[in-house]
Amino acid sequence: MTSPFATFLRALRVRSGMRQHELARQLGYEQAYVSALELGNKPPSEEFLGKLNRSLTLNEKDNLEMRHAAERSRRRFVLPVDVPTETYLLCHELWEKIDRLYPAQIRAIRELVRIDELLVDQPMYGPARLRRRTAKEDAEM
C-alpha cells in the first residue's frame, strides 16, 4: 500500500510524461529519492514540494491537491497538551493495532471520526418549540 502523496506523485509524473530519473534530474534530486517517495517509503520535504510546484508549474488545483496529499501522508503526530486522557488511550490502542486492522475496521473508524461532518448535512428533527403562554392567555373566561 502507498501513501496518498505517493499516489499523487506517480500520477502527476506519468501525466507529465516523465520517467523517475527525468523528474529527479529536473528537480535536482536522486532518482532513488523520487522512487522512495512514489513507494511511500519517505515523506516529501517542504523543499521538494516547492521545487515540484515550480518545476512543473502546477496550477492552483494541483498544488492544493499536492499539499493535501502530503498532509494526509504524515506519519508522526503530536497530541495537544490539553487533550483528555481518553484521547491518549484511543491513540495508544489504535497505534497498537494499526498494522492488524481489517479494511472494514478502518472504514468504520473513519466513518465514526467524520460523523460530525455527516450530521451537519442531516436535518435535525425534534419536538417543536412550545411557545410560552402569557398571563392573558392563561386566564379563562
Protein backbone atom coordinates (compact mmCIF):
# COMPACT_ATOMS: atom_id res chain seq x y z
CA MET A 1 0.00 0.00 0.00
CA THR A 2 1.19 3.51 -0.68
CA SER A 3 0.60 6.89 0.86
CA PRO A 4 -1.73 9.49 -0.67
CA PHE A 5 1.32 11.56 -1.65
CA ALA A 6 2.97 8.57 -3.33
CA THR A 7 -0.15 8.01 -5.42
CA PHE A 8 -0.37 11.71 -6.29
CA LEU A 9 3.31 12.00 -7.27
CA ARG A 10 3.26 8.95 -9.51
CA ALA A 11 0.07 10.07 -11.26
CA LEU A 12 1.49 13.57 -11.74
CA ARG A 13 4.76 12.22 -13.14
CA VAL A 14 3.01 9.83 -15.52
CA ARG A 15 0.61 12.58 -16.62
CA SER A 16 3.65 14.78 -17.32
CA GLY A 17 5.14 12.01 -19.49
CA MET A 18 8.31 11.74 -17.42
CA ARG A 19 10.36 8.86 -16.06
CA GLN A 20 11.56 8.91 -12.46
CA HIS A 21 15.12 9.77 -13.40
CA GLU A 22 13.93 12.64 -15.63
CA LEU A 23 11.82 14.15 -12.87
CA ALA A 24 14.62 13.68 -10.35
CA ARG A 25 17.15 15.41 -12.62
CA GLN A 26 14.75 18.27 -13.34
CA LEU A 27 14.19 18.81 -9.59
CA GLY A 28 17.82 18.29 -8.58
CA TYR A 29 17.28 15.04 -6.65
CA GLU A 30 18.48 11.49 -6.97
CA GLN A 31 16.21 9.02 -8.77
CA ALA A 32 16.28 6.85 -5.62
CA TYR A 33 14.63 9.67 -3.64
CA VAL A 34 11.81 10.04 -6.16
CA SER A 35 11.38 6.27 -6.12
CA ALA A 36 11.20 6.24 -2.31
CA LEU A 37 8.56 8.98 -2.43
CA GLU A 38 6.49 7.09 -5.01
CA LEU A 39 6.68 3.93 -2.92
CA GLY A 40 5.62 5.82 0.19
CA ASN A 41 8.88 4.95 1.97
CA LYS A 42 9.77 8.60 2.62
CA PRO A 43 7.69 11.71 3.19
CA PRO A 44 8.29 14.70 0.91
CA SER A 45 10.26 17.62 2.30
CA GLU A 46 8.87 21.13 2.08
CA GLU A 47 11.76 21.92 -0.26
CA PHE A 48 10.73 19.05 -2.56
CA LEU A 49 7.11 20.26 -2.64
CA GLY A 50 8.24 23.77 -3.57
CA LYS A 51 10.56 22.54 -6.32
CA LEU A 52 7.89 20.23 -7.70
CA ASN A 53 5.37 23.07 -7.79
CA ARG A 54 7.76 25.48 -9.52
CA SER A 55 9.39 22.99 -11.88
CA LEU A 56 6.15 21.54 -13.24
CA THR A 57 4.31 24.89 -12.92
CA LEU A 58 1.39 23.27 -11.16
CA ASN A 59 -1.94 25.00 -11.40
CA GLU A 60 -3.70 26.03 -8.19
CA LYS A 61 -5.84 22.87 -8.08
CA ASP A 62 -2.85 20.53 -8.47
CA ASN A 63 -0.79 22.50 -5.94
CA LEU A 64 -3.62 22.30 -3.40
CA GLU A 65 -4.08 18.58 -4.10
CA MET A 66 -0.33 18.04 -3.66
CA ARG A 67 -0.36 19.85 -0.29
CA HIS A 68 -3.39 17.87 0.91
CA ALA A 69 -1.81 14.59 -0.18
CA ALA A 70 1.41 15.47 1.67
CA GLU A 71 -0.56 16.37 4.82
CA ARG A 72 -2.61 13.16 4.67
CA SER A 73 0.63 11.19 4.32
CA ARG A 74 2.17 12.38 7.60
CA ARG A 75 3.42 9.58 9.82
CA ARG A 76 4.14 11.48 13.02
CA PHE A 77 1.57 13.23 15.13
CA VAL A 78 1.83 15.16 18.38
CA LEU A 79 -1.18 15.33 20.64
CA PRO A 80 -2.10 18.74 22.05
CA VAL A 81 -1.18 19.05 25.72
CA ASP A 82 -4.73 19.65 26.93
CA VAL A 83 -6.50 16.63 25.37
CA PRO A 84 -8.43 14.34 27.72
CA THR A 85 -6.98 11.06 28.97
CA GLU A 86 -9.45 9.19 26.73
CA THR A 87 -7.74 10.71 23.69
CA TYR A 88 -4.37 9.34 24.80
CA LEU A 89 -5.92 5.92 25.33
CA LEU A 90 -7.63 5.97 21.93
CA CYS A 91 -4.41 6.89 20.14
CA HIS A 92 -2.44 4.25 22.03
CA GLU A 93 -4.98 1.49 21.29
CA LEU A 94 -5.17 2.48 17.65
CA TRP A 95 -1.38 2.55 17.34
CA GLU A 96 -1.09 -0.88 18.96
CA LYS A 97 -3.35 -2.41 16.30
CA ILE A 98 -2.70 -0.14 13.33
CA ASP A 99 -0.97 -2.80 11.23
CA ARG A 100 -3.53 -5.50 12.03
CA LEU A 101 -6.78 -3.68 11.27
CA TYR A 102 -9.04 -5.09 8.59
CA PRO A 103 -10.19 -2.76 5.81
CA ALA A 104 -13.75 -2.88 7.21
CA GLN A 105 -12.47 -1.74 10.61
CA ILE A 106 -10.55 1.14 9.02
CA ARG A 107 -13.64 2.23 7.07
CA ALA A 108 -15.78 2.06 10.23
CA ILE A 109 -13.28 4.09 12.27
CA ARG A 110 -13.02 6.71 9.52
CA GLU A 111 -16.81 6.99 9.35
CA LEU A 112 -17.00 7.44 13.12
CA VAL A 113 -14.35 10.14 13.05
CA ARG A 114 -16.27 12.01 10.31
CA ILE A 115 -19.70 11.59 11.89
CA ASP A 116 -19.86 15.24 12.93
CA GLU A 117 -19.44 16.26 9.28
CA LEU A 118 -22.14 13.82 8.20
CA LEU A 119 -24.57 15.08 10.83
CA VAL A 120 -24.28 18.65 9.58
CA ASP A 121 -25.90 17.58 6.32
CA GLN A 122 -28.77 15.79 8.07
CA PRO A 123 -31.89 17.78 9.02
CA MET A 124 -32.50 17.93 12.74
CA TYR A 125 -35.92 16.69 13.76
CA GLY A 126 -37.08 17.21 17.26
CA PRO A 127 -40.05 18.41 19.20
CA ALA A 128 -41.34 21.74 18.03
CA ARG A 129 -40.53 24.50 20.46
CA LEU A 130 -43.53 25.32 22.56
CA ARG A 131 -44.40 28.94 22.86
CA ARG A 132 -44.68 30.18 26.41
CA ARG A 133 -48.13 31.38 27.34
CA THR A 134 -48.64 34.86 28.57
CA ALA A 135 -50.69 35.67 31.63
CA LYS A 136 -53.64 36.82 29.46
CA GLU A 137 -53.73 33.54 27.56
CA ASP A 138 -53.81 31.58 30.83
CA ALA A 139 -56.91 33.36 32.10
CA GLU A 140 -60.11 31.52 31.25
CA MET A 141 -63.31 33.36 30.57
